Amino acid sequence: MRACNRRFAWTILAIAAALPAGAANSSASNNEGFLYGRLTTREGTKYEGRLRWDEEEAFWGDFFNSSKEENPWVDEAPRRARRDRGRQIEVFGFKVGSLHDHMDDGSRQFVSRFGDIARIEPHGGDRVAVTLKSGTRFELEGGSNDVEAKVRVWDAGLGVVTVEWRRIRSIEFLPTPASLAVAPARLHGKVATRDGVFTGYVQWDQDECVGTDELDGETQDGDVELRMDTIRSIERRSRRSSAVTLDDGRQLVLSGTNDVDGDNRGIYVEDPRYGRVLISWDAFEKVDFTPAGSGPGYEAFRPGERLGGTVTTADGRKITGRVVFDLDESETTEMLDGERHDISYSIPFALVASIVPRNSGSKVTLVSGEELSLEGTTDVSDDNNGVLVYEGGKPQPTYVRWEDVERIDFAGPSRPSKR
């Protein structure tokens, strides 16, 4: 009974650590979910207000993407493992050789929710430093259009100011004030796919996320531009077209643009069960929009904590301590990435209870008890660089190759001292 109670408590604490507080109770009348901060230019001019990255990211749950210039965890792995990772090549069951790659070749992807970030500092060109709420600082370079983007600020005294990336010295994120001027409605809905239904805040085509954004398409009578807040539902008809139902009951068949056909870049859904999913056009069936406020505010995103847990090896050893996963992810706010049925999952590690490697993918069990079979990414495939475990009292970490991992059980939320 005590074990069950501990497991239940871990589940509740882990969900609370991963999910922004109050995410399920957002009032339709508040604007706390919008990005907000103080932007300082290289000349020292300061602008403060609601923020948006170009025409895309506008909320605390949206992702800031880039690439890490260096990965210090790689140096903690044994030199031979760093130099070569051998993978056996088999033909009809016979070993005929091996392939070798270098785990420190190339850059590693950086993905963070804006709500987990304290400060962003461009350093010229596509270089930028990002400091998380936990105090962890990353030196990044390029990797996405989030870097070198124009940033719009809805400054209370000046109105809308658009600042070029090269002119920005720093952006300090701040809680969105309750007095924020009326902002457009955030898109929210129920998205049906061939792998189930996802419910949460929606970013259509990785772009449209508020009611004033527009859905473009062609009808048999001509081109149309529809405000998203006039749309009740969008249903995929084929690779080439969609059926759009408006709030007034009218129905249109649209084609000819990436908003409504197979060139769509995917639909983000901020589903509290998983963190964030990206639904491809092939998997998408229909979205029904429903109002739900602006989402959780900045203070609802808690600072990340160290990953911890127990790694069980193929020969039965159990190694417990601080965990660095894939020689890269080390905090609870970082993402476990995987794919399933043309849907990409980005799951905060605080929501992950265990990982069991299986063939070319992994079985991932969430703290809710749900199991997902994921594949297609480094995190869950044979391309994983392995795991470091910092055991208490030992000066050096234990490195476990991915092929030697039987399973990983993550510990519940805690607050260990900084390394």
Protein backbone atom coordinates (compact mmCIF):
# COMPACT_ATOMS: atom_id res chain seq x y z
CA MET A 1 0.00 0.00 0.00
CA ARG A 2 2.84 2.38 0.86
CA ALA A 3 4.49 1.66 -2.51
CA CYS A 4 1.23 2.47 -4.31
CA ASN A 5 0.92 5.71 -2.37
CA ARG A 6 4.49 6.68 -3.23
CA ARG A 7 3.86 5.91 -6.90
CA PHE A 8 0.67 7.97 -6.87
CA ALA A 9 2.47 10.87 -5.19
CA TRP A 10 5.30 10.71 -7.75
CA THR A 11 2.78 10.76 -10.57
CA ILE A 12 1.04 13.85 -9.22
CA LEU A 13 4.34 15.65 -8.52
CA ALA A 14 5.81 14.80 -11.91
CA ILE A 15 2.74 16.03 -13.77
CA ALA A 16 2.77 19.21 -11.71
CA ALA A 17 6.47 19.73 -12.52
CA ALA A 18 6.01 19.22 -16.24
CA LEU A 19 2.74 21.01 -16.81
CA PRO A 20 2.28 24.71 -16.22
CA ALA A 21 0.16 25.36 -13.16
CA GLY A 22 -3.43 26.20 -13.95
CA ALA A 23 -3.14 24.99 -17.54
CA ALA A 24 -6.52 23.31 -17.38
CA ASN A 25 -8.25 26.27 -15.73
CA SER A 26 -7.30 29.18 -17.98
CA SER A 27 -9.97 31.83 -18.03
CA ALA A 28 -11.17 33.00 -21.43
CA SER A 29 -10.85 36.57 -20.17
CA ASN A 30 -7.16 36.61 -19.22
CA ASN A 31 -4.11 37.18 -21.40
CA GLU A 32 -1.41 35.69 -19.15
CA GLY A 33 -0.49 33.04 -21.74
CA PHE A 34 0.94 35.61 -24.19
CA LEU A 35 4.71 36.14 -24.39
CA TYR A 36 5.78 39.25 -22.52
CA GLY A 37 9.13 40.83 -21.79
CA ARG A 38 11.59 43.70 -21.90
CA LEU A 39 13.62 44.05 -25.11
CA THR A 40 16.81 46.13 -24.96
CA THR A 41 18.47 47.26 -28.19
CA ARG A 42 22.22 47.59 -28.73
CA GLU A 43 21.80 51.36 -28.36
CA GLY A 44 20.20 50.88 -24.95
CA THR A 45 16.58 51.64 -25.92
CA LYS A 46 14.09 49.54 -23.97
CA TYR A 47 10.69 48.31 -25.11
CA GLU A 48 8.33 46.34 -22.88
CA GLY A 49 5.15 44.53 -23.76
CA ARG A 50 3.59 41.55 -25.46
CA LEU A 51 6.03 39.77 -27.84
CA ARG A 52 5.81 37.73 -31.03
CA TRP A 53 8.54 36.07 -33.08
CA ASP A 54 7.85 37.11 -36.69
CA GLU A 55 4.41 35.73 -37.50
CA GLU A 56 4.82 32.59 -35.42
CA GLU A 57 5.58 32.06 -31.71
CA ALA A 58 3.39 34.12 -29.38
CA PHE A 59 2.81 32.03 -26.21
CA TRP A 60 4.80 30.64 -23.29
CA GLY A 61 4.23 27.04 -24.39
CA ASP A 62 5.66 27.68 -27.88
CA PHE A 63 9.17 26.42 -28.70
CA PHE A 64 12.37 28.38 -29.19
CA ASN A 65 14.61 26.27 -31.46
CA SER A 66 18.31 26.49 -32.21
CA SER A 67 21.49 24.35 -32.22
CA LYS A 68 24.03 23.88 -29.43
CA GLU A 69 27.55 25.00 -30.30
CA GLU A 70 29.11 22.54 -27.86
CA ASN A 71 28.02 19.56 -25.82
CA PRO A 72 30.09 19.27 -22.61
CA TRP A 73 28.53 15.92 -21.69
CA VAL A 74 30.28 14.19 -24.60
CA ASP A 75 33.65 14.67 -22.87
CA GLU A 76 32.37 12.65 -19.90
CA ALA A 77 32.01 9.51 -22.03
CA PRO A 78 35.01 7.17 -22.40
CA ARG A 79 37.36 8.29 -25.16
CA ARG A 80 36.88 5.15 -27.21
CA ALA A 81 33.12 5.54 -27.05
CA ARG A 82 33.44 9.20 -28.09
CA ARG A 83 35.65 8.34 -31.02
CA ASP A 84 33.68 5.49 -32.50
CA ARG A 85 30.32 3.92 -32.04
CA GLY A 86 30.34 0.62 -33.88
CA ARG A 87 27.13 -0.77 -35.31
CA GLN A 88 27.14 -4.29 -36.71
CA ILE A 89 25.98 -4.80 -40.28
CA GLU A 90 24.08 -8.02 -40.87
CA VAL A 91 22.99 -9.57 -44.16
CA PHE A 92 20.56 -12.49 -43.88
CA GLY A 93 21.61 -12.89 -40.25
CA PHE A 94 25.39 -12.95 -40.93
CA LYS A 95 27.68 -10.22 -39.57
CA VAL A 96 29.65 -8.75 -42.46
CA GLY A 97 31.15 -5.64 -40.86
CA SER A 98 30.36 -2.53 -38.88
CA LEU A 99 29.70 1.15 -39.34
CA HIS A 100 31.35 3.82 -37.21
CA ASP A 101 30.22 7.34 -36.49
CA HIS A 102 31.40 10.01 -34.11
CA MET A 103 29.06 11.05 -31.33
CA ASP A 104 30.56 14.55 -31.15
CA ASP A 105 30.24 15.28 -34.88
CA GLY A 106 27.85 18.09 -35.71
CA SER A 107 25.62 20.14 -33.43
CA ARG A 108 22.77 19.07 -31.20
CA GLN A 109 19.29 20.47 -31.41
CA PHE A 110 18.13 22.88 -28.72
CA VAL A 111 14.39 23.03 -27.97
CA SER A 112 12.87 24.93 -25.06
CA ARG A 113 9.46 26.30 -24.22
CA PHE A 114 9.58 30.09 -23.94
CA GLY A 115 8.10 29.70 -20.48
CA ASP A 116 11.26 27.88 -19.37
CA ILE A 117 13.57 30.70 -20.56
CA ALA A 118 14.72 33.63 -18.42
CA ARG A 119 16.80 35.57 -20.97
CA ILE A 120 17.88 35.58 -24.63
CA GLU A 121 21.02 37.46 -25.76
CA PRO A 122 21.93 37.64 -29.48
CA HIS A 123 25.70 37.77 -30.04
CA GLY A 124 25.82 38.78 -33.70
CA GLY A 125 24.87 36.83 -36.80
CA ASP A 126 23.12 33.61 -35.87
CA ARG A 127 24.83 33.19 -32.49
CA VAL A 128 22.76 33.57 -29.34
CA ALA A 129 22.96 32.77 -25.62
CA VAL A 130 19.88 31.42 -23.84
CA THR A 131 19.61 31.27 -20.05
CA LEU A 132 16.92 29.03 -18.59
CA LYS A 133 15.00 29.70 -15.38
CA SER A 134 17.09 26.96 -13.76
CA GLY A 135 20.21 29.06 -14.37
CA THR A 136 21.58 26.77 -17.09
CA ARG A 137 23.08 28.78 -19.96
CA PHE A 138 23.43 27.56 -23.55
CA GLU A 139 25.58 29.02 -26.32
CA LEU A 140 23.63 28.43 -29.52
CA GLU A 141 24.02 29.02 -33.22
CA GLY A 142 21.39 29.07 -35.97
CA GLY A 143 19.32 25.96 -36.30
CA SER A 144 15.95 27.55 -37.07
CA ASN A 145 14.20 30.74 -38.14
CA ASP A 146 13.70 31.61 -34.44
CA VAL A 147 17.28 32.89 -34.54
CA GLU A 148 17.68 36.12 -36.57
CA ALA A 149 13.91 36.60 -36.50
CA LYS A 150 12.21 39.97 -36.24
CA VAL A 151 10.60 40.43 -32.83
CA ARG A 152 7.45 42.51 -32.44
CA VAL A 153 6.75 44.32 -29.18
CA TRP A 154 3.35 45.72 -28.24
CA ASP A 155 4.79 48.56 -26.14
CA ALA A 156 2.17 50.30 -23.97
CA GLY A 157 3.56 53.76 -24.71
CA LEU A 158 4.58 53.43 -28.35
CA GLY A 159 2.29 50.84 -29.90
CA VAL A 160 3.67 48.02 -32.05
CA VAL A 161 7.45 48.12 -32.59
CA THR A 162 9.22 45.59 -34.86
CA VAL A 163 12.91 45.13 -34.00
CA GLU A 164 15.46 43.46 -36.28
CA TRP A 165 17.43 40.63 -34.64
CA ARG A 166 20.79 42.32 -35.28
CA ARG A 167 19.64 45.33 -33.22
CA ILE A 168 18.68 43.31 -30.13
CA ARG A 169 21.04 43.20 -27.14
CA SER A 170 18.80 41.17 -24.86
CA ILE A 171 15.26 40.01 -24.17
CA GLU A 172 14.29 39.49 -20.54
CA PHE A 173 11.09 37.52 -20.10
CA LEU A 174 8.62 38.74 -17.49
CA PRO A 175 5.23 37.61 -16.16
CA THR A 176 2.44 38.95 -18.35
CA PRO A 177 0.62 41.63 -16.34
CA ALA A 178 -3.08 41.28 -15.62
CA SER A 179 -3.52 44.78 -17.06
CA LEU A 180 -2.33 43.71 -20.52
CA ALA A 181 -4.44 45.32 -23.22
CA VAL A 182 -6.98 43.11 -24.96
CA ALA A 183 -5.18 40.63 -27.21
CA PRO A 184 -6.55 38.32 -29.93
CA ALA A 185 -8.06 34.98 -28.96
CA ARG A 186 -5.71 31.99 -28.90
CA LEU A 187 -6.59 29.01 -31.07
CA HIS A 188 -7.69 25.94 -29.14
CA GLY A 189 -9.48 22.82 -30.24
CA LYS A 190 -9.93 19.10 -30.59
CA VAL A 191 -7.80 17.59 -33.36
CA ALA A 192 -8.81 14.18 -34.73
CA THR A 193 -6.10 12.03 -36.31
CA ARG A 194 -5.82 8.46 -37.52
CA ASP A 195 -4.02 7.76 -34.23
CA GLY A 196 -6.56 9.29 -31.87
CA VAL A 197 -7.73 12.70 -30.69
CA PHE A 198 -5.53 15.45 -29.26
CA THR A 199 -6.98 18.41 -27.37
CA GLY A 200 -5.21 21.65 -26.57
CA TYR A 201 -3.89 24.93 -27.93
CA VAL A 202 -3.36 24.82 -31.69
CA GLN A 203 -0.72 26.30 -33.99
CA TRP A 204 -1.90 25.69 -37.55
CA ASP A 205 0.76 25.04 -40.22
CA GLN A 206 3.32 25.84 -37.46
CA ASP A 207 2.22 29.44 -37.96
CA GLU A 208 -1.35 30.58 -37.28
CA CYS A 209 -2.07 30.61 -33.55
CA VAL A 210 -4.40 33.56 -32.84
CA GLY A 211 -7.80 34.56 -34.14
CA THR A 212 -6.53 37.47 -36.23
CA ASP A 213 -4.20 35.21 -38.24
CA GLU A 214 -5.54 34.19 -41.63
CA LEU A 215 -6.16 30.93 -43.43
CA ASP A 216 -5.49 31.31 -47.17
CA GLY A 217 -6.97 29.21 -49.93
CA GLU A 218 -8.59 29.07 -53.32
CA THR A 219 -12.24 28.34 -54.04
CA GLN A 220 -13.87 27.74 -57.41
CA ASP A 221 -14.92 31.41 -57.32
CA GLY A 222 -11.58 32.92 -56.33
CA ASP A 223 -9.05 33.39 -53.55
CA VAL A 224 -10.12 33.84 -49.93
CA GLU A 225 -8.38 34.95 -46.72
CA LEU A 226 -10.29 33.82 -43.65
CA ARG A 227 -9.61 35.06 -40.15
CA MET A 228 -9.03 32.05 -37.93
CA ASP A 229 -11.58 33.28 -35.38
CA THR A 230 -14.33 32.99 -38.03
CA ILE A 231 -13.65 29.27 -38.53
CA ARG A 232 -15.55 26.53 -36.68
CA SER A 233 -13.72 23.52 -38.18
CA ILE A 234 -11.24 22.39 -40.83
CA GLU A 235 -11.43 18.88 -42.30
CA ARG A 236 -8.87 17.25 -44.58
CA ARG A 237 -10.48 16.06 -47.82
CA SER A 238 -7.36 14.88 -49.65
CA ARG A 239 -3.73 15.78 -50.27
CA ARG A 240 -5.00 18.75 -52.26
CA SER A 241 -7.91 20.29 -50.37
CA SER A 242 -9.81 20.90 -47.12
CA ALA A 243 -13.41 21.53 -46.16
CA VAL A 244 -13.78 24.62 -43.98
CA THR A 245 -16.90 25.33 -41.92
CA LEU A 246 -17.41 28.91 -40.74
CA ASP A 247 -19.08 30.03 -37.52
CA ASP A 248 -22.07 31.22 -39.52
CA GLY A 249 -22.58 27.71 -40.93
CA ARG A 250 -21.25 28.29 -44.43
CA GLN A 251 -18.97 25.60 -45.87
CA LEU A 252 -16.11 26.13 -48.30
CA VAL A 253 -13.75 23.76 -50.10
CA LEU A 254 -10.27 25.31 -50.20
CA SER A 255 -7.15 24.27 -52.10
CA GLY A 256 -4.03 25.72 -53.67
CA THR A 257 -2.04 26.81 -50.58
CA ASN A 258 -0.01 25.13 -47.84
CA ASP A 259 -2.66 26.17 -45.32
CA VAL A 260 -5.12 23.66 -46.76
CA ASP A 261 -3.22 21.01 -48.70
CA GLY A 262 -0.42 18.45 -48.43
CA ASP A 263 2.26 21.15 -48.24
CA ASN A 264 1.00 22.04 -44.77
CA ARG A 265 3.97 21.91 -42.36
CA GLY A 266 1.92 20.28 -39.63
CA ILE A 267 -0.40 21.17 -36.76
CA TYR A 268 1.03 21.71 -33.29
CA VAL A 269 -1.22 20.77 -30.40
CA GLU A 270 -0.26 21.60 -26.82
CA ASP A 271 -1.87 18.54 -25.26
CA PRO A 272 -1.34 18.35 -21.44
CA ARG A 273 -0.97 14.55 -21.63
CA TYR A 274 2.18 14.71 -23.75
CA GLY A 275 3.54 18.24 -23.79
CA ARG A 276 3.42 19.11 -27.49
CA VAL A 277 2.72 17.07 -30.60
CA LEU A 278 3.20 17.93 -34.28
CA ILE A 279 0.58 16.27 -36.48
CA SER A 280 1.51 15.75 -40.12
CA TRP A 281 -1.00 16.32 -42.92
CA ASP A 282 -1.10 12.58 -43.60
CA ALA A 283 -2.19 11.90 -40.02
CA PHE A 284 -4.58 14.85 -39.72
CA GLU A 285 -8.32 14.35 -40.13
CA LYS A 286 -10.22 17.27 -38.59
CA VAL A 287 -9.99 20.11 -36.09
CA ASP A 288 -12.95 21.57 -34.21
CA PHE A 289 -12.07 24.91 -32.63
CA THR A 290 -13.27 25.77 -29.11
CA PRO A 291 -12.38 28.83 -26.98
CA ALA A 292 -10.19 28.24 -23.91
CA GLY A 293 -8.40 31.46 -22.91
CA SER A 294 -4.74 32.27 -23.57
CA GLY A 295 -3.15 29.40 -21.65
CA PRO A 296 -0.79 29.21 -18.66
CA GLY A 297 1.28 32.23 -17.68
CA TYR A 298 5.04 32.64 -17.31
CA GLU A 299 5.15 31.93 -13.58
CA ALA A 300 3.33 28.64 -14.13
CA PHE A 301 6.46 27.20 -15.80
CA ARG A 302 8.66 25.98 -12.96
CA PRO A 303 12.48 25.93 -13.24
CA GLY A 304 13.88 22.64 -14.50
CA GLU A 305 15.47 20.13 -12.15
CA ARG A 306 18.16 17.53 -12.67
CA LEU A 307 17.15 14.26 -14.26
CA GLY A 308 17.59 11.35 -11.90
CA GLY A 309 16.78 7.67 -11.89
CA THR A 310 17.98 4.09 -12.25
CA VAL A 311 19.52 2.56 -15.37
CA THR A 312 19.20 -1.22 -15.58
CA THR A 313 21.75 -2.80 -17.91
CA ALA A 314 21.42 -5.88 -20.07
CA ASP A 315 23.59 -7.86 -17.61
CA GLY A 316 21.34 -6.96 -14.67
CA ARG A 317 23.28 -4.11 -13.04
CA LYS A 318 21.27 -1.24 -11.55
CA ILE A 319 22.96 2.17 -11.54
CA THR A 320 21.20 4.98 -9.67
CA GLY A 321 21.95 8.68 -9.65
CA ARG A 322 21.79 11.80 -11.75
CA VAL A 323 21.05 10.90 -15.38
CA VAL A 324 22.23 12.57 -18.60
CA PHE A 325 20.20 11.06 -21.41
CA ASP A 326 21.61 10.63 -24.94
CA LEU A 327 24.68 12.54 -23.69
CA ASP A 328 22.55 15.65 -24.06
CA GLU A 329 19.36 16.04 -21.99
CA SER A 330 19.96 16.62 -18.29
CA GLU A 331 16.95 18.57 -16.96
CA THR A 332 13.27 17.79 -16.45
CA THR A 333 12.11 20.58 -18.77
CA GLU A 334 14.09 19.18 -21.72
CA MET A 335 12.26 17.11 -24.32
CA LEU A 336 12.14 13.44 -25.18
CA ASP A 337 11.45 13.33 -28.92
CA GLY A 338 9.87 10.47 -30.82
CA GLU A 339 7.49 9.64 -33.65
CA ARG A 340 4.44 7.44 -33.97
CA HIS A 341 2.06 7.11 -36.92
CA ASP A 342 3.21 10.36 -38.60
CA ILE A 343 2.88 12.31 -35.35
CA SER A 344 5.95 13.79 -33.63
CA TYR A 345 5.97 13.93 -29.83
CA SER A 346 7.99 16.40 -27.73
CA ILE A 347 7.50 15.20 -24.14
CA PRO A 348 9.05 17.01 -21.14
CA PHE A 349 11.15 14.49 -19.22
CA ALA A 350 9.17 15.31 -16.08
CA LEU A 351 6.27 13.45 -17.70
CA VAL A 352 8.36 10.33 -18.47
CA ALA A 353 8.36 7.43 -15.98
CA SER A 354 10.47 4.91 -17.91
CA ILE A 355 12.07 4.07 -21.26
CA VAL A 356 12.69 0.56 -22.57
CA PRO A 357 14.66 0.20 -25.83
CA ARG A 358 12.91 -2.08 -28.32
CA ASN A 359 14.35 -3.01 -31.71
CA SER A 360 14.62 0.27 -33.65
CA GLY A 361 12.50 2.27 -31.19
CA SER A 362 11.51 2.42 -27.52
CA LYS A 363 8.55 1.82 -25.26
CA VAL A 364 7.98 5.01 -23.30
CA THR A 365 5.79 4.88 -20.19
CA LEU A 366 4.44 8.20 -18.93
CA VAL A 367 3.81 9.03 -15.27
CA SER A 368 0.10 8.82 -16.11
CA GLY A 369 0.62 5.12 -16.89
CA GLU A 370 0.06 5.51 -20.64
CA GLU A 371 2.51 3.67 -22.89
CA LEU A 372 3.77 4.93 -26.25
CA SER A 373 5.86 3.05 -28.80
CA LEU A 374 8.08 5.73 -30.32
CA GLU A 375 10.70 5.62 -33.04
CA GLY A 376 12.34 7.77 -35.71
CA THR A 377 14.56 10.02 -33.57
CA THR A 378 17.94 9.81 -31.87
CA ASP A 379 16.34 9.81 -28.42
CA VAL A 380 14.50 6.52 -28.90
CA SER A 381 16.50 4.67 -31.57
CA ASP A 382 19.81 2.87 -31.95
CA ASP A 383 21.38 6.27 -32.76
CA ASN A 384 21.10 7.25 -29.08
CA ASN A 385 24.57 8.16 -27.77
CA GLY A 386 24.07 6.44 -24.44
CA VAL A 387 23.53 7.48 -20.83
CA LEU A 388 25.70 8.99 -18.10
CA VAL A 389 24.82 8.19 -14.48
CA TYR A 390 26.38 10.21 -11.65
CA GLU A 391 26.27 7.88 -8.67
CA GLY A 392 26.53 9.38 -5.21
CA GLY A 393 30.06 9.35 -3.83
CA LYS A 394 31.79 8.46 -7.12
CA PRO A 395 34.08 11.08 -8.71
CA GLN A 396 33.32 10.07 -12.30
CA PRO A 397 30.04 9.15 -13.99
CA THR A 398 29.25 5.68 -15.25
CA TYR A 399 28.71 5.57 -19.00
CA VAL A 400 26.22 3.04 -20.40
CA ARG A 401 26.02 2.44 -24.13
CA TRP A 402 22.49 2.49 -25.52
CA GLU A 403 22.82 -1.10 -26.71
CA ASP A 404 23.58 -2.08 -23.10
CA VAL A 405 20.49 -0.34 -21.66
CA GLU A 406 17.72 -2.69 -20.58
CA ARG A 407 15.52 0.09 -19.19
CA ILE A 408 15.64 3.49 -17.52
CA ASP A 409 13.34 4.37 -14.63
CA PHE A 410 13.26 8.06 -13.85
CA ALA A 411 12.97 9.32 -10.27
CA GLY A 412 10.28 11.72 -9.11
CA PRO A 413 10.81 15.50 -8.91
CA SER A 414 13.48 16.65 -6.48
CA ARG A 415 15.77 19.58 -5.90
CA PRO A 416 19.35 18.28 -5.69
CA SER A 417 22.19 20.77 -5.44
CA LYS A 418 23.74 22.14 -8.61
CA ARG A 419 26.69 20.31 -10.07
